[in-house]
Amino acid sequence: MSQNEKKGRASALLPIIVFLLIFLGSGFITGDFYSMPAIVAFLIALVVAFAQNRELKFAEKIRLAAAGDGGYWYGCQGSPIRRSRSCSDW
């Protein structure tokens, strides 16, 4: 293992564990998995994920979370553009 490689931490799995506990737990308790919208459990898990890294500001956390969309963002006239381009390039 080289010196530049970072080791993973088990605490990185905490948001998905929170999601599964809330979503599956509410489904088992109520007997209806549609009683808890998945988006609610996802947003709670997202808050847990944001709370884990206190070194970054909230705006940077939002930017990093949004960067997982495949490298495109919708801007200018609603067309997908690469992050390396700006609206002035159109």
N, C-alpha and C. Protein backbone atom coordinates (compact mmCIF):
# COMPACT_ATOMS: atom_id res chain seq x y z
N MET A 1 0.85 -1.17 0.00
CA MET A 1 0.00 0.00 0.00
C MET A 1 0.89 1.23 0.00
N SER A 2 0.62 2.15 -0.92
CA SER A 2 1.44 3.36 -0.99
C SER A 2 1.00 4.35 0.09
N GLN A 3 1.82 5.34 0.29
CA GLN A 3 1.56 6.32 1.35
C GLN A 3 0.40 7.25 0.99
N ASN A 4 0.06 7.37 -0.30
CA ASN A 4 -1.00 8.28 -0.72
C ASN A 4 -2.39 7.68 -0.59
N GLU A 5 -2.50 6.37 -0.42
CA GLU A 5 -3.80 5.74 -0.31
C GLU A 5 -4.41 6.00 1.06
N LYS A 6 -5.70 6.30 1.05
CA LYS A 6 -6.40 6.53 2.31
C LYS A 6 -7.17 5.28 2.68
N LYS A 7 -7.18 4.96 3.95
CA LYS A 7 -7.94 3.83 4.42
C LYS A 7 -9.38 4.28 4.68
N GLY A 8 -10.31 3.41 4.36
CA GLY A 8 -11.71 3.70 4.62
C GLY A 8 -12.03 3.53 6.09
N ARG A 9 -13.10 4.16 6.49
CA ARG A 9 -13.56 4.04 7.88
C ARG A 9 -14.96 3.43 7.89
N ALA A 10 -15.21 2.66 8.90
CA ALA A 10 -16.53 2.04 9.05
C ALA A 10 -17.60 3.10 9.29
N SER A 11 -17.23 4.24 9.86
CA SER A 11 -18.21 5.30 10.12
C SER A 11 -18.77 5.90 8.83
N ALA A 12 -18.12 5.66 7.70
CA ALA A 12 -18.63 6.15 6.42
C ALA A 12 -19.93 5.45 6.05
N LEU A 13 -20.19 4.30 6.62
CA LEU A 13 -21.42 3.56 6.35
C LEU A 13 -22.60 4.01 7.21
N LEU A 14 -22.35 4.92 8.13
CA LEU A 14 -23.40 5.35 9.05
C LEU A 14 -24.63 5.92 8.33
N PRO A 15 -24.49 6.77 7.31
CA PRO A 15 -25.70 7.29 6.66
C PRO A 15 -26.56 6.19 6.03
N ILE A 16 -25.96 5.20 5.40
CA ILE A 16 -26.79 4.14 4.80
C ILE A 16 -27.41 3.26 5.87
N ILE A 17 -26.72 3.09 6.97
CA ILE A 17 -27.29 2.32 8.08
C ILE A 17 -28.48 3.07 8.66
N VAL A 18 -28.35 4.39 8.81
CA VAL A 18 -29.47 5.21 9.30
C VAL A 18 -30.65 5.10 8.35
N PHE A 19 -30.38 5.22 7.05
CA PHE A 19 -31.45 5.10 6.06
C PHE A 19 -32.16 3.76 6.18
N LEU A 20 -31.39 2.68 6.21
CA LEU A 20 -32.01 1.35 6.28
C LEU A 20 -32.79 1.14 7.57
N LEU A 21 -32.23 1.60 8.69
CA LEU A 21 -32.94 1.45 9.96
C LEU A 21 -34.26 2.21 9.96
N ILE A 22 -34.24 3.43 9.45
CA ILE A 22 -35.47 4.24 9.44
C ILE A 22 -36.49 3.66 8.46
N PHE A 23 -36.05 3.41 7.23
CA PHE A 23 -36.99 2.96 6.20
C PHE A 23 -37.51 1.56 6.47
N LEU A 24 -36.59 0.63 6.69
CA LEU A 24 -37.03 -0.75 6.94
C LEU A 24 -37.70 -0.88 8.30
N GLY A 25 -37.17 -0.18 9.29
CA GLY A 25 -37.76 -0.23 10.63
C GLY A 25 -39.20 0.24 10.63
N SER A 26 -39.45 1.37 9.97
CA SER A 26 -40.83 1.87 9.93
C SER A 26 -41.73 0.93 9.14
N GLY A 27 -41.17 0.29 8.11
CA GLY A 27 -41.96 -0.67 7.33
C GLY A 27 -42.34 -1.89 8.14
N PHE A 28 -41.39 -2.40 8.91
CA PHE A 28 -41.68 -3.58 9.74
C PHE A 28 -42.64 -3.23 10.88
N ILE A 29 -42.45 -2.07 11.47
CA ILE A 29 -43.31 -1.68 12.61
C ILE A 29 -44.75 -1.47 12.16
N THR A 30 -44.93 -0.75 11.05
CA THR A 30 -46.29 -0.45 10.60
C THR A 30 -46.88 -1.56 9.74
N GLY A 31 -46.02 -2.43 9.20
CA GLY A 31 -46.50 -3.48 8.31
C GLY A 31 -46.75 -2.98 6.90
N ASP A 32 -46.36 -1.73 6.62
CA ASP A 32 -46.58 -1.12 5.31
C ASP A 32 -45.36 -0.28 4.95
N PHE A 33 -44.61 -0.74 3.95
CA PHE A 33 -43.40 -0.02 3.58
C PHE A 33 -43.68 1.29 2.86
N TYR A 34 -44.91 1.52 2.47
CA TYR A 34 -45.28 2.79 1.84
C TYR A 34 -45.67 3.85 2.86
N SER A 35 -45.71 3.49 4.13
CA SER A 35 -46.10 4.47 5.15
C SER A 35 -45.02 5.52 5.38
N MET A 36 -43.77 5.16 5.13
CA MET A 36 -42.65 6.11 5.27
C MET A 36 -42.08 6.36 3.89
N PRO A 37 -42.23 7.57 3.37
CA PRO A 37 -41.64 7.86 2.06
C PRO A 37 -40.12 7.71 2.11
N ALA A 38 -39.56 7.07 1.09
CA ALA A 38 -38.11 6.84 1.05
C ALA A 38 -37.34 8.15 1.06
N ILE A 39 -37.91 9.21 0.48
CA ILE A 39 -37.21 10.49 0.43
C ILE A 39 -37.01 11.07 1.83
N VAL A 40 -37.94 10.83 2.73
CA VAL A 40 -37.81 11.34 4.10
C VAL A 40 -36.64 10.63 4.79
N ALA A 41 -36.58 9.32 4.65
CA ALA A 41 -35.47 8.57 5.24
C ALA A 41 -34.15 8.98 4.60
N PHE A 42 -34.16 9.24 3.28
CA PHE A 42 -32.95 9.67 2.58
C PHE A 42 -32.48 11.03 3.09
N LEU A 43 -33.40 11.97 3.28
CA LEU A 43 -33.01 13.30 3.76
C LEU A 43 -32.45 13.24 5.18
N ILE A 44 -33.00 12.39 6.02
CA ILE A 44 -32.45 12.22 7.37
C ILE A 44 -31.05 11.65 7.29
N ALA A 45 -30.84 10.66 6.43
CA ALA A 45 -29.51 10.08 6.24
C ALA A 45 -28.54 11.11 5.66
N LEU A 46 -29.03 11.99 4.80
CA LEU A 46 -28.19 13.04 4.23
C LEU A 46 -27.73 14.02 5.30
N VAL A 47 -28.60 14.35 6.23
CA VAL A 47 -28.22 15.22 7.35
C VAL A 47 -27.14 14.55 8.19
N VAL A 48 -27.28 13.26 8.41
CA VAL A 48 -26.25 12.51 9.15
C VAL A 48 -24.93 12.56 8.40
N ALA A 49 -24.97 12.39 7.09
CA ALA A 49 -23.74 12.43 6.28
C ALA A 49 -23.09 13.81 6.34
N PHE A 50 -23.90 14.87 6.27
CA PHE A 50 -23.35 16.23 6.35
C PHE A 50 -22.75 16.51 7.72
N ALA A 51 -23.31 15.93 8.75
CA ALA A 51 -22.81 16.18 10.11
C ALA A 51 -21.49 15.45 10.39
N GLN A 52 -21.17 14.46 9.58
CA GLN A 52 -19.95 13.68 9.84
C GLN A 52 -18.67 14.46 9.61
N ASN A 53 -18.62 15.28 8.59
CA ASN A 53 -17.39 16.01 8.26
C ASN A 53 -17.54 17.45 8.70
N ARG A 54 -16.89 17.80 9.79
CA ARG A 54 -17.00 19.15 10.32
C ARG A 54 -15.94 20.09 9.77
N GLU A 55 -15.04 19.56 8.94
CA GLU A 55 -13.98 20.40 8.38
C GLU A 55 -14.47 21.25 7.22
N LEU A 56 -15.50 20.79 6.52
CA LEU A 56 -16.01 21.52 5.36
C LEU A 56 -17.20 22.38 5.75
N LYS A 57 -17.34 23.50 5.04
CA LYS A 57 -18.51 24.35 5.24
C LYS A 57 -19.71 23.71 4.56
N PHE A 58 -20.91 24.13 4.96
CA PHE A 58 -22.14 23.54 4.45
C PHE A 58 -22.24 23.69 2.93
N ALA A 59 -21.88 24.86 2.40
CA ALA A 59 -21.97 25.09 0.96
C ALA A 59 -21.05 24.13 0.19
N GLU A 60 -19.88 23.85 0.74
CA GLU A 60 -18.96 22.92 0.09
C GLU A 60 -19.52 21.49 0.13
N LYS A 61 -20.20 21.14 1.21
CA LYS A 61 -20.81 19.82 1.30
C LYS A 61 -21.91 19.66 0.26
N ILE A 62 -22.70 20.70 0.06
CA ILE A 62 -23.74 20.67 -0.96
C ILE A 62 -23.12 20.52 -2.34
N ARG A 63 -22.05 21.26 -2.62
CA ARG A 63 -21.37 21.19 -3.91
C ARG A 63 -20.84 19.78 -4.17
N LEU A 64 -20.24 19.18 -3.15
CA LEU A 64 -19.71 17.82 -3.30
C LEU A 64 -20.83 16.80 -3.50
N ALA A 65 -21.94 16.97 -2.81
CA ALA A 65 -23.06 16.04 -2.97
C ALA A 65 -23.66 16.17 -4.36
N ALA A 66 -23.72 17.37 -4.90
CA ALA A 66 -24.27 17.59 -6.23
C ALA A 66 -23.31 17.16 -7.33
N ALA A 67 -22.04 17.02 -7.02
CA ALA A 67 -21.04 16.64 -8.02
C ALA A 67 -21.20 15.19 -8.45
N GLY A 68 -21.99 14.42 -7.76
CA GLY A 68 -22.17 13.02 -8.10
C GLY A 68 -23.18 12.79 -9.21
N ASP A 69 -23.48 13.81 -9.99
CA ASP A 69 -24.50 13.69 -11.04
C ASP A 69 -23.93 13.33 -12.39
N GLY A 70 -22.71 12.86 -12.46
CA GLY A 70 -22.14 12.45 -13.73
C GLY A 70 -21.36 13.52 -14.44
N GLY A 71 -21.11 14.64 -13.80
CA GLY A 71 -20.29 15.68 -14.40
C GLY A 71 -21.06 16.72 -15.20
N TYR A 72 -22.38 16.64 -15.22
CA TYR A 72 -23.17 17.61 -15.95
C TYR A 72 -24.01 18.42 -14.98
N TRP A 73 -24.31 19.63 -15.35
CA TRP A 73 -25.31 20.41 -14.64
C TRP A 73 -26.15 21.11 -15.67
N TYR A 74 -27.36 21.44 -15.32
CA TYR A 74 -28.28 22.04 -16.27
C TYR A 74 -28.30 23.54 -16.03
N GLY A 75 -27.84 24.27 -16.99
CA GLY A 75 -27.78 25.71 -16.85
C GLY A 75 -28.06 26.36 -18.18
N CYS A 76 -27.82 27.64 -18.23
CA CYS A 76 -28.02 28.44 -19.43
C CYS A 76 -29.44 28.28 -19.94
N GLN A 77 -29.62 27.59 -21.07
CA GLN A 77 -30.96 27.41 -21.64
C GLN A 77 -31.54 26.05 -21.28
N GLY A 78 -31.11 25.45 -20.19
CA GLY A 78 -31.66 24.17 -19.77
C GLY A 78 -30.97 22.98 -20.41
N SER A 79 -29.92 23.22 -21.21
CA SER A 79 -29.20 22.10 -21.81
C SER A 79 -28.10 21.62 -20.89
N PRO A 80 -27.82 20.31 -20.91
CA PRO A 80 -26.75 19.79 -20.07
C PRO A 80 -25.39 20.29 -20.57
N ILE A 81 -24.60 20.82 -19.67
CA ILE A 81 -23.27 21.28 -20.03
C ILE A 81 -22.27 20.72 -19.04
N ARG A 82 -21.04 20.56 -19.49
CA ARG A 82 -19.99 20.07 -18.60
C ARG A 82 -19.64 21.17 -17.62
N ARG A 83 -19.16 20.77 -16.45
CA ARG A 83 -18.77 21.74 -15.44
C ARG A 83 -17.65 22.66 -15.91
N SER A 84 -16.82 22.19 -16.84
CA SER A 84 -15.70 22.99 -17.28
C SER A 84 -16.15 24.15 -18.18
N ARG A 85 -17.40 24.13 -18.62
CA ARG A 85 -17.90 25.19 -19.48
C ARG A 85 -18.79 26.13 -18.68
N SER A 86 -18.90 27.33 -19.13
CA SER A 86 -19.79 28.28 -18.47
C SER A 86 -20.84 28.73 -19.46
N CYS A 87 -21.83 29.46 -18.99
CA CYS A 87 -22.90 29.92 -19.86
C CYS A 87 -22.38 30.87 -20.93
N SER A 88 -21.31 31.57 -20.65
CA SER A 88 -20.75 32.49 -21.65
C SER A 88 -20.14 31.75 -22.83
N ASP A 89 -19.84 30.44 -22.66
CA ASP A 89 -19.28 29.65 -23.77
C ASP A 89 -20.33 29.33 -24.82
N TRP A 90 -21.61 29.49 -24.50
CA TRP A 90 -22.66 29.11 -25.43
C TRP A 90 -22.86 30.24 -26.36
